[in-house]
C-alpha atoms as a PDB file:
ATOM      1  CA  MET A   1     -26.612   5.059  15.300  1.00  0.00           C
ATOM      2  CA  SER A   2     -24.548   2.825  13.070  1.00  0.00           C
ATOM      3  CA  GLN A   3     -20.977   1.459  12.599  1.00  0.00           C
ATOM      4  CA  PHE A   4     -19.924   4.961  11.314  1.00  0.00           C
ATOM      5  CA  SER A   5     -21.782   7.225  13.771  1.00  0.00           C
ATOM      6  CA  PHE A   6     -22.250   6.940  17.616  1.00  0.00           C
ATOM      7  CA  ASP A   7     -23.060   8.896  20.794  1.00  0.00           C
ATOM      8  CA  VAL A   8     -20.144   9.049  23.389  1.00  0.00           C
ATOM      9  CA  SER A   9     -19.885  10.124  26.883  1.00  0.00           C
ATOM     10  CA  LEU A  10     -16.851  10.867  28.908  1.00  0.00           C
ATOM     11  CA  GLU A  11     -16.487   7.374  30.027  1.00  0.00           C
ATOM     12  CA  GLU A  12     -16.303   6.136  26.620  1.00  0.00           C
ATOM     13  CA  PHE A  13     -14.216   9.127  25.094  1.00  0.00           C
ATOM     14  CA  GLU A  14     -10.776   7.429  25.138  1.00  0.00           C
ATOM     15  CA  ALA A  15     -11.863   4.034  23.930  1.00  0.00           C
ATOM     16  CA  LYS A  16     -14.414   5.371  21.273  1.00  0.00           C
ATOM     17  CA  VAL A  17     -12.453   8.647  20.003  1.00  0.00           C
ATOM     18  CA  ILE A  18      -8.874   8.838  21.118  1.00  0.00           C
ATOM     19  CA  VAL A  19      -7.869   5.170  20.318  1.00  0.00           C
ATOM     20  CA  PRO A  20      -9.750   4.801  16.769  1.00  0.00           C
ATOM     21  CA  SER A  21      -8.361   8.254  15.741  1.00  0.00           C
ATOM     22  CA  GLN A  22      -4.806   6.753  15.541  1.00  0.00           C
ATOM     23  CA  ASP A  23      -6.299   5.166  12.214  1.00  0.00           C
ATOM     24  CA  VAL A  24      -9.214   7.300  11.088  1.00  0.00           C
ATOM     25  CA  PRO A  25     -10.336  10.847  11.423  1.00  0.00           C
ATOM     26  CA  ILE A  26     -13.089  11.276  14.213  1.00  0.00           C
ATOM     27  CA  VAL A  27     -15.587  14.195  13.658  1.00  0.00           C
ATOM     28  CA  VAL A  28     -16.895  15.019  17.248  1.00  0.00           C
ATOM     29  CA  ASP A  29     -20.117  16.825  17.053  1.00  0.00           C
ATOM     30  CA  PHE A  30     -21.286  18.810  20.191  1.00  0.00           C
ATOM     31  CA  TRP A  31     -24.744  18.966  20.339  1.00  0.00           C
ATOM     32  CA  ALA A  32     -27.716  19.586  22.729  1.00  0.00           C
ATOM     33  CA  PRO A  33     -31.273  18.737  22.655  1.00  0.00           C
ATOM     34  CA  TRP A  34     -32.541  22.620  22.932  1.00  0.00           C
ATOM     35  CA  CYS A  35     -30.241  23.626  20.258  1.00  0.00           C
ATOM     36  CA  GLU A  36     -32.030  24.396  16.913  1.00  0.00           C
ATOM     37  CA  PRO A  37     -29.226  24.489  14.557  1.00  0.00           C
ATOM     38  CA  CYS A  38     -28.059  21.142  16.131  1.00  0.00           C
ATOM     39  CA  LYS A  39     -30.974  19.573  14.795  1.00  0.00           C
ATOM     40  CA  VAL A  40     -30.260  20.586  11.493  1.00  0.00           C
ATOM     41  CA  LEU A  41     -26.466  19.554  11.765  1.00  0.00           C
ATOM     42  CA  LYS A  42     -26.617  16.258  13.552  1.00  0.00           C
ATOM     43  CA  PRO A  43     -28.717  14.432  11.038  1.00  0.00           C
ATOM     44  CA  LEU A  44     -27.033  15.938   8.296  1.00  0.00           C
ATOM     45  CA  LEU A  45     -23.609  14.658   9.679  1.00  0.00           C
ATOM     46  CA  GLU A  46     -25.029  11.178  10.288  1.00  0.00           C
ATOM     47  CA  LYS A  47     -26.035  10.784   6.587  1.00  0.00           C
ATOM     48  CA  LEU A  48     -22.733  12.141   5.580  1.00  0.00           C
ATOM     49  CA  ALA A  49     -21.025   9.478   7.825  1.00  0.00           C
ATOM     50  CA  GLU A  50     -23.217   6.749   6.088  1.00  0.00           C
ATOM     51  CA  GLU A  51     -22.213   7.916   2.613  1.00  0.00           C
ATOM     52  CA  TYR A  52     -18.404   8.338   3.427  1.00  0.00           C
ATOM     53  CA  ALA A  53     -18.581   4.778   4.679  1.00  0.00           C
ATOM     54  CA  GLY A  54     -15.787   4.700   7.272  1.00  0.00           C
ATOM     55  CA  ARG A  55     -13.558   7.416   5.594  1.00  0.00           C
ATOM     56  CA  PHE A  56     -14.257   9.106   8.861  1.00  0.00           C
ATOM     57  CA  LEU A  57     -16.151   8.167  11.816  1.00  0.00           C
ATOM     58  CA  LEU A  58     -18.923  10.387  13.807  1.00  0.00           C
ATOM     59  CA  ALA A  59     -19.009  10.708  17.598  1.00  0.00           C
ATOM     60  CA  MET A  60     -21.767  12.705  18.859  1.00  0.00           C
ATOM     61  CA  VAL A  61     -21.220  14.336  22.468  1.00  0.00           C
ATOM     62  CA  ASN A  62     -24.396  15.528  24.269  1.00  0.00           C
ATOM     63  CA  ALA A  63     -22.727  19.155  25.432  1.00  0.00           C
ATOM     64  CA  ASP A  64     -25.180  19.370  28.499  1.00  0.00           C
ATOM     65  CA  GLU A  65     -24.376  15.948  29.964  1.00  0.00           C
ATOM     66  CA  ASN A  66     -20.843  15.973  29.201  1.00  0.00           C
ATOM     67  CA  PRO A  67     -19.229  19.566  30.180  1.00  0.00           C
ATOM     68  CA  GLU A  68     -15.989  18.031  30.824  1.00  0.00           C
ATOM     69  CA  ILE A  69     -15.392  17.024  27.293  1.00  0.00           C
ATOM     70  CA  SER A  70     -16.736  20.255  26.223  1.00  0.00           C
ATOM     71  CA  GLN A  71     -14.290  22.345  28.342  1.00  0.00           C
ATOM     72  CA  HIS A  72     -11.498  20.249  27.376  1.00  0.00           C
ATOM     73  CA  PHE A  73     -12.012  21.107  23.624  1.00  0.00           C
ATOM     74  CA  GLY A  74     -12.950  24.672  24.481  1.00  0.00           C
ATOM     75  CA  VAL A  75     -16.344  24.559  23.221  1.00  0.00           C
ATOM     76  CA  ARG A  76     -18.081  27.910  23.887  1.00  0.00           C
ATOM     77  CA  SER A  77     -21.031  27.716  21.445  1.00  0.00           C
ATOM     78  CA  ILE A  78     -23.248  24.851  19.827  1.00  0.00           C
ATOM     79  CA  PRO A  79     -23.093  23.263  17.472  1.00  0.00           C
ATOM     80  CA  SER A  80     -19.509  22.992  17.322  1.00  0.00           C
ATOM     81  CA  VAL A  81     -17.447  20.443  15.471  1.00  0.00           C
ATOM     82  CA  LYS A  82     -13.972  19.183  16.040  1.00  0.00           C
ATOM     83  CA  VAL A  83     -11.722  16.695  14.061  1.00  0.00           C
ATOM     84  CA  LEU A  84      -9.249  14.317  15.862  1.00  0.00           C
ATOM     85  CA  PHE A  85      -6.679  12.489  13.780  1.00  0.00           C
ATOM     86  CA  GLN A  86      -3.910  10.543  15.370  1.00  0.00           C
ATOM     87  CA  GLY A  87      -4.639  11.914  18.764  1.00  0.00           C
ATOM     88  CA  GLN A  88      -4.637  15.552  17.696  1.00  0.00           C
ATOM     89  CA  LEU A  89      -7.140  18.216  16.861  1.00  0.00           C
ATOM     90  CA  VAL A  90      -6.764  18.796  13.010  1.00  0.00           C
ATOM     91  CA  ASP A  91      -9.774  20.760  12.113  1.00  0.00           C
ATOM     92  CA  GLU A  92     -12.929  22.359  13.371  1.00  0.00           C
ATOM     93  CA  PHE A  93     -15.919  24.796  12.671  1.00  0.00           C
ATOM     94  CA  THR A  94     -19.039  26.247  14.690  1.00  0.00           C
ATOM     95  CA  GLY A  95     -22.436  26.679  13.665  1.00  0.00           C
ATOM     96  CA  ALA A  96     -24.581  24.750  11.051  1.00  0.00           C
ATOM     97  CA  LEU A  97     -23.074  25.240   7.604  1.00  0.00           C
ATOM     98  CA  PRO A  98     -24.494  24.166   4.328  1.00  0.00           C
ATOM     99  CA  GLU A  99     -24.032  20.557   3.034  1.00  0.00           C
ATOM    100  CA  SER A 100     -21.632  21.538   0.272  1.00  0.00           C
ATOM    101  CA  GLU A 101     -19.517  23.475   2.715  1.00  0.00           C
ATOM    102  CA  ILE A 102     -19.378  20.680   5.222  1.00  0.00           C
ATOM    103  CA  ARG A 103     -18.848  18.181   2.254  1.00  0.00           C
ATOM    104  CA  ALA A 104     -15.813  20.411   1.157  1.00  0.00           C
ATOM    105  CA  PHE A 105     -14.539  20.419   5.104  1.00  0.00           C
ATOM    106  CA  LEU A 106     -14.851  16.727   5.071  1.00  0.00           C
ATOM    107  CA  ASP A 107     -12.947  16.161   1.898  1.00  0.00           C
ATOM    108  CA  ARG A 108     -10.048  17.916   3.647  1.00  0.00           C
ATOM    109  CA  PHE A 109      -9.036  15.018   5.944  1.00  0.00           C
ATOM    110  CA  ALA A 110     -11.305  12.027   5.121  1.00  0.00           C
ATOM    111  CA  LEU A 111      -9.531   8.774   4.179  1.00  0.00           C
ATOM    112  CA  PRO A 112      -9.520   8.064   0.098  1.00  0.00           C
ATOM    113  CA  PRO A 113     -12.227   6.122  -1.109  1.00  0.00           C
ATOM    114  CA  ALA A 114     -11.631   2.398  -0.337  1.00  0.00           C
ATOM    115  CA  VAL A 115     -13.549   0.916  -3.517  1.00  0.00           C
ATOM    116  CA  GLY A 116     -10.359   0.253  -5.276  1.00  0.00           C
ATOM    117  CA  GLY A 117      -8.372  -0.728  -1.888  1.00  0.00           C
ATOM    118  CA  ASN A 118     -10.849  -3.556  -1.153  1.00  0.00           C
ATOM    119  CA  LEU A 119     -10.497  -4.988  -4.643  1.00  0.00           C
ATOM    120  CA  ARG A 120      -6.620  -4.775  -4.380  1.00  0.00           C
ATOM    121  CA  GLU A 121      -6.801  -6.474  -1.081  1.00  0.00           C
ATOM    122  CA  GLU A 122      -8.598  -9.490  -2.649  1.00  0.00           C
ATOM    123  CA  ALA A 123      -6.530  -9.819  -5.593  1.00  0.00           C
ATOM    124  CA  ALA A 124      -3.327  -9.784  -3.131  1.00  0.00           C
ATOM    125  CA  ALA A 125      -5.242 -12.616  -1.286  1.00  0.00           C
ATOM    126  CA  LEU A 126      -5.647 -14.516  -4.708  1.00  0.00           C
ATOM    127  CA  LEU A 127      -2.145 -14.079  -5.695  1.00  0.00           C
ATOM    128  CA  ALA A 128      -0.954 -15.477  -2.358  1.00  0.00           C
ATOM    129  CA  ALA A 129      -3.169 -18.460  -2.878  1.00  0.00           C
ATOM    130  CA  GLY A 130      -1.361 -18.858  -6.384  1.00  0.00           C
ATOM    131  CA  GLN A 131      -4.731 -17.836  -8.447  1.00  0.00           C
ATOM    132  CA  LEU A 132      -2.965 -15.700 -10.883  1.00  0.00           C
ATOM    133  CA  GLU A 133      -5.593 -15.271 -13.276  1.00  0.00           C
ATOM    134  CA  GLU A 134      -8.105 -14.768 -10.739  1.00  0.00           C
ATOM    135  CA  ALA A 135      -6.026 -11.996  -9.279  1.00  0.00           C
ATOM    136  CA  LEU A 136      -5.466 -10.266 -12.537  1.00  0.00           C
ATOM    137  CA  ALA A 137      -9.099 -10.215 -13.184  1.00  0.00           C
ATOM    138  CA  LYS A 138      -9.770  -8.717  -9.656  1.00  0.00           C
ATOM    139  CA  LEU A 139      -6.905  -5.743 -10.450  1.00  0.00           C
ATOM    140  CA  VAL A 140      -8.819  -5.114 -13.831  1.00  0.00           C
ATOM    141  CA  GLU A 141     -11.814  -4.517 -11.954  1.00  0.00           C
ATOM    142  CA  ALA A 142      -9.987  -2.410  -9.269  1.00  0.00           C
ATOM    143  CA  SER A 143      -8.608  -0.209 -12.100  1.00  0.00           C
ATOM    144  CA  ARG A 144     -11.885   0.431 -13.889  1.00  0.00           C
ATOM    145  CA  ALA A 145     -13.506   1.503 -10.520  1.00  0.00           C
ATOM    146  CA  LYS A 146     -10.493   3.654  -9.886  1.00  0.00           C
ATOM    147  CA  PRO A 147      -8.459   4.481 -13.080  1.00  0.00           C
ATOM    148  CA  GLU A 148      -6.070   6.880 -11.317  1.00  0.00           C
ATOM    149  CA  ASP A 149      -4.823   4.260  -9.069  1.00  0.00           C
ATOM    150  CA  GLN A 150      -1.356   3.741 -10.232  1.00  0.00           C
ATOM    151  CA  ALA A 151      -0.581   1.289  -7.502  1.00  0.00           C
ATOM    152  CA  VAL A 152      -3.182  -1.111  -8.694  1.00  0.00           C
ATOM    153  CA  GLN A 153      -2.038  -0.879 -12.447  1.00  0.00           C
ATOM    154  CA  LEU A 154       1.454  -1.822 -11.217  1.00  0.00           C
ATOM    155  CA  ASP A 155      -0.034  -4.807  -9.422  1.00  0.00           C
ATOM    156  CA  ALA A 156      -1.483  -5.952 -12.680  1.00  0.00           C
ATOM    157  CA  VAL A 157       1.930  -5.569 -14.517  1.00  0.00           C
ATOM    158  CA  ASP A 158       3.526  -7.694 -11.640  1.00  0.00           C
ATOM    159  CA  VAL A 159       0.930 -10.239 -12.423  1.00  0.00           C
ATOM    160  CA  LEU A 160       1.196 -10.187 -16.096  1.00  0.00           C
ATOM    161  CA  MET A 161       5.143 -10.694 -15.752  1.00  0.00           C
ATOM    162  CA  GLN A 162       4.331 -13.762 -13.538  1.00  0.00           C
ATOM    163  CA  LEU A 163       2.006 -15.109 -16.170  1.00  0.00           C
ATOM    164  CA  GLY A 164       4.768 -14.586 -18.771  1.00  0.00           C
ATOM    165  CA  ARG A 165       2.682 -12.028 -20.677  1.00  0.00           C
ATOM    166  CA  ASN A 166       5.423  -9.676 -20.843  1.00  0.00           C
ATOM    167  CA  ASP A 167       4.222  -7.976 -24.111  1.00  0.00           C
ATOM    168  CA  GLU A 168       1.214  -6.940 -22.201  1.00  0.00           C
ATOM    169  CA  ALA A 169       3.266  -5.820 -19.097  1.00  0.00           C
ATOM    170  CA  GLN A 170       5.668  -3.577 -21.104  1.00  0.00           C
ATOM    171  CA  GLN A 171       2.450  -2.065 -22.779  1.00  0.00           C
ATOM    172  CA  LEU A 172       1.383  -1.109 -19.435  1.00  0.00           C
ATOM    173  CA  LEU A 173       4.588  -0.136 -18.263  1.00  0.00           C
ATOM    174  CA  SER A 174       4.892   2.428 -21.324  1.00  0.00           C
ATOM    175  CA  GLY A 175       3.182   5.277 -19.739  1.00  0.00           C
ATOM    176  CA  GLU A 176       4.111   7.571 -16.775  1.00  0.00           C
ATOM    177  CA  TYR A 177       3.805   6.533 -13.129  1.00  0.00           C
ATOM    178  CA  LEU A 178       4.899   9.860 -11.482  1.00  0.00           C
ATOM    179  CA  GLN A 179       2.989   8.762  -8.016  1.00  0.00           C
ATOM    180  CA  GLU A 180       4.594   5.189  -8.132  1.00  0.00           C
ATOM    181  CA  ALA A 181       8.085   6.026 -10.141  1.00  0.00           C
ATOM    182  CA  ASP A 182      10.274   3.936  -8.041  1.00  0.00           C
ATOM    183  CA  ARG A 183       8.191   0.555  -8.229  1.00  0.00           C
ATOM    184  CA  ALA A 184       7.642   1.401 -12.010  1.00  0.00           C
ATOM    185  CA  ASN A 185      11.231   1.610 -12.629  1.00  0.00           C
ATOM    186  CA  ALA A 186      11.823  -1.637 -10.472  1.00  0.00           C
ATOM    187  CA  LEU A 187       9.208  -3.488 -12.865  1.00  0.00           C
ATOM    188  CA  ARG A 188      11.235  -2.280 -15.772  1.00  0.00           C
ATOM    189  CA  ALA A 189      14.299  -3.660 -14.572  1.00  0.00           C
ATOM    190  CA  ARG A 190      12.555  -6.872 -14.148  1.00  0.00           C
ATOM    191  CA  LEU A 191      11.114  -6.856 -17.374  1.00  0.00           C
ATOM    192  CA  ALA A 192      14.511  -6.230 -18.807  1.00  0.00           C
ATOM    193  CA  LEU A 193      15.839  -9.390 -16.964  1.00  0.00           C
ATOM    194  CA  ALA A 194      12.969 -11.468 -18.569  1.00  0.00           C
ATOM    195  CA  ALA A 195      14.303 -10.542 -21.771  1.00  0.00           C
ATOM    196  CA  GLY A 196      17.361 -12.365 -21.135  1.00  0.00           C
ATOM    197  CA  ALA A 197      15.818 -15.727 -20.944  1.00  0.00           C
ATOM    198  CA  ALA A 198      18.040 -18.836 -21.891  1.00  0.00           C
ATOM    199  CA  ASP A 199      18.177 -22.489 -21.553  1.00  0.00           C
ATOM    200  CA  THR A 200      19.071 -23.152 -17.769  1.00  0.00           C
ATOM    201  CA  GLY A 201      19.696 -26.841 -18.385  1.00  0.00           C
ATOM    202  CA  GLU A 202      22.445 -26.151 -20.784  1.00  0.00           C
ATOM    203  CA  ILE A 203      24.214 -23.663 -18.060  1.00  0.00           C
ATOM    204  CA  GLU A 204      23.753 -26.209 -15.221  1.00  0.00           C
ATOM    205  CA  ALA A 205      25.692 -28.653 -17.360  1.00  0.00           C
ATOM    206  CA  ARG A 206      28.198 -26.403 -17.967  1.00  0.00           C
ATOM    207  CA  LEU A 207      28.599 -25.811 -14.120  1.00  0.00           C
ATOM    208  CA  ALA A 208      28.364 -29.392 -13.455  1.00  0.00           C
ATOM    209  CA  ALA A 209      31.443 -30.116 -15.424  1.00  0.00           C
ATOM    210  CA  ASN A 210      33.050 -26.915 -14.236  1.00  0.00           C
ATOM    211  CA  PRO A 211      31.995 -25.612 -10.790  1.00  0.00           C
ATOM    212  CA  ALA A 212      34.543 -22.675 -10.972  1.00  0.00           C
ATOM    213  CA  ASP A 213      32.986 -21.296 -13.995  1.00  0.00           C
ATOM    214  CA  HIS A 214      31.616 -18.363 -12.637  1.00  0.00           C
ATOM    215  CA  ALA A 215      30.839 -16.715 -16.082  1.00  0.00           C
ATOM    216  CA  ALA A 216      28.387 -19.628 -16.205  1.00  0.00           C
ATOM    217  CA  ARG A 217      27.055 -19.032 -12.718  1.00  0.00           C
ATOM    218  CA  ILE A 218      26.447 -15.601 -13.593  1.00  0.00           C
ATOM    219  CA  ALA A 219      24.614 -16.523 -16.884  1.00  0.00           C
ATOM    220  CA  LEU A 220      22.679 -19.095 -14.789  1.00  0.00           C
ATOM    221  CA  SER A 221      21.399 -16.270 -12.370  1.00  0.00           C
ATOM    222  CA  HIS A 222      20.231 -14.025 -15.100  1.00  0.00           C
ATOM    223  CA  ALA A 223      18.399 -17.391 -16.686  1.00  0.00           C
ATOM    224  CA  TYR A 224      16.909 -17.951 -13.526  1.00  0.00           C
ATOM    225  CA  ALA A 225      15.824 -14.264 -13.026  1.00  0.00           C
ATOM    226  CA  ALA A 226      14.179 -14.502 -16.411  1.00  0.00           C
ATOM    227  CA  GLN A 227      11.928 -17.118 -15.216  1.00  0.00           C
ATOM    228  CA  SER A 228      11.017 -15.459 -12.131  1.00  0.00           C
ATOM    229  CA  ARG A 229      13.064 -17.990 -10.028  1.00  0.00           C
ATOM    230  CA  PHE A 230      14.321 -15.230  -7.974  1.00  0.00           C
ATOM    231  CA  ARG A 231      15.810 -16.931  -4.917  1.00  0.00           C
ATOM    232  CA  GLU A 232      17.618 -19.333  -7.233  1.00  0.00           C
ATOM    233  CA  ALA A 233      19.047 -16.188  -9.021  1.00  0.00           C
ATOM    234  CA  MET A 234      20.170 -14.808  -5.958  1.00  0.00           C
ATOM    235  CA  GLU A 235      21.934 -17.910  -4.605  1.00  0.00           C
ATOM    236  CA  ALA A 236      23.813 -18.298  -7.866  1.00  0.00           C
ATOM    237  CA  ALA A 237      25.101 -14.762  -7.706  1.00  0.00           C
ATOM    238  CA  LEU A 238      25.832 -15.013  -4.091  1.00  0.00           C
ATOM    239  CA  GLU A 239      27.687 -18.253  -4.764  1.00  0.00           C
ATOM    240  CA  VAL A 240      30.220 -16.154  -7.462  1.00  0.00           C
ATOM    241  CA  VAL A 241      30.609 -13.356  -4.485  1.00  0.00           C
ATOM    242  CA  VAL A 242      31.626 -16.244  -1.997  1.00  0.00           C
ATOM    243  CA  ARG A 243      33.775 -18.067  -4.513  1.00  0.00           C
ATOM    244  CA  ASP A 244      35.498 -14.949  -5.797  1.00  0.00           C
ATOM    245  CA  ARG A 245      34.240 -11.512  -4.974  1.00  0.00           C
ATOM    246  CA  THR A 246      36.653  -9.858  -7.496  1.00  0.00           C
ATOM    247  CA  PHE A 247      35.504 -11.914 -10.709  1.00  0.00           C
ATOM    248  CA  ASP A 248      34.712  -9.639 -13.343  1.00  0.00           C
ATOM    249  CA  GLU A 249      35.152  -6.391 -11.331  1.00  0.00           C
ATOM    250  CA  GLY A 250      32.773  -7.942  -8.650  1.00  0.00           C
ATOM    251  CA  LYS A 251      30.032  -9.079 -11.173  1.00  0.00           C
ATOM    252  CA  GLY A 252      28.537 -11.384  -8.275  1.00  0.00           C
ATOM    253  CA  ARG A 253      27.847  -8.387  -6.351  1.00  0.00           C
ATOM    254  CA  THR A 254      26.441  -6.208  -8.811  1.00  0.00           C
ATOM    255  CA  THR A 255      23.958  -9.003 -10.246  1.00  0.00           C
ATOM    256  CA  LEU A 256      22.750  -9.222  -6.856  1.00  0.00           C
ATOM    257  CA  LEU A 257      22.111  -5.503  -6.596  1.00  0.00           C
ATOM    258  CA  LYS A 258      20.235  -5.220  -9.727  1.00  0.00           C
ATOM    259  CA  LEU A 259      18.041  -8.273  -8.657  1.00  0.00           C
ATOM    260  CA  PHE A 260      17.345  -6.217  -5.549  1.00  0.00           C
ATOM    261  CA  GLU A 261      16.576  -3.117  -7.544  1.00  0.00           C
ATOM    262  CA  ALA A 262      14.427  -5.235  -9.826  1.00  0.00           C
ATOM    263  CA  LEU A 263      12.452  -6.549  -6.953  1.00  0.00           C
ATOM    264  CA  ALA A 264      12.034  -3.551  -4.904  1.00  0.00           C
ATOM    265  CA  GLY A 265       8.650  -2.093  -4.160  1.00  0.00           C
ATOM    266  CA  SER A 266       6.904  -5.406  -4.380  1.00  0.00           C
ATOM    267  CA  ASP A 267       5.976  -6.609  -0.947  1.00  0.00           C
ATOM    268  CA  GLN A 268       6.002 -10.114  -1.885  1.00  0.00           C
ATOM    269  CA  TYR A 269      10.010  -9.957  -2.328  1.00  0.00           C
ATOM    270  CA  ASP A 270      10.578  -7.920   0.844  1.00  0.00           C
ATOM    271  CA  ASP A 271      11.694 -10.750   2.945  1.00  0.00           C
ATOM    272  CA  LEU A 272      13.714 -12.271   0.210  1.00  0.00           C
ATOM    273  CA  ILE A 273      15.697  -9.084  -0.536  1.00  0.00           C
ATOM    274  CA  ARG A 274      16.497  -8.577   3.320  1.00  0.00           C
ATOM    275  CA  GLU A 275      17.779 -12.186   3.387  1.00  0.00           C
ATOM    276  CA  PHE A 276      20.127 -11.637   0.455  1.00  0.00           C
ATOM    277  CA  ARG A 277      21.339  -8.388   1.727  1.00  0.00           C
ATOM    278  CA  ARG A 278      22.290  -9.889   4.907  1.00  0.00           C
ATOM    279  CA  LYS A 279      23.859 -12.661   3.138  1.00  0.00           C
ATOM    280  CA  LEU A 280      26.078 -10.548   0.624  1.00  0.00           C
ATOM    281  CA  SER A 281      27.114  -8.501   3.617  1.00  0.00           C
ATOM    282  CA  ALA A 282      28.362 -11.423   5.314  1.00  0.00           C
ATOM    283  CA  ALA A 283      29.995 -12.438   2.354  1.00  0.00           C
ATOM    284  CA  LEU A 284      31.789  -9.287   1.870  1.00  0.00           C
ATOM    285  CA  ASN A 285      33.145  -8.696   5.537  1.00  0.00           C
END
């Protein structure tokens, strides 16, 4: 027995099979001590459960000792294998199949390999702690482990932009991101904002002299966005909406919408976008 495979009885079935199946596929192996094919299949499934390392869990039911479970799942001969996911029966087979066929069977429903995903989570934790260089190194490692993972590559683009390494970010964004098209487009929009960097001090001085200079406030919003000061960028654009929603054909509103678009798809900005969507709606109503 291990963390990936375990015996289960009628009393434990709900807690050890039904509940966990909401998050991970559970392979239920119905076997009995007298069953010769079971003696081949059971250890093979245990070995594969270890190899797949949590991409599915293996629950082993002694059919002789738990006839109620066998009856519930319509088991007529053993070995019999049923797969539950999100509480539903999603696949099954009967008999001792060759290992190659069992692998093909498992690959139909097993969760994706977690190698890159774990590294990505570590990178996210480093990013939250403000350790940008360390987060980028972790994402590079994750991308090497799983080069097809476009989400990891776009995470790296995001960090590069926060580090001001926009040329490298642009190079990474030049490829196609069919699986992550919306997020890639949002990052391209952010990169375009960064190209509009300007001296915020000079613009702030203009506004101090004339707070009604809406064009200056829009320019300040763009300048803040170019420096990744997105809250300040949104506040400046929203102020234009509050002061004069019709200025330059609704420039304050459209500037905010472009900021929302540029930050979409990045979890760290979700709360900020929601906050300013509410504020924009209140300002317009």
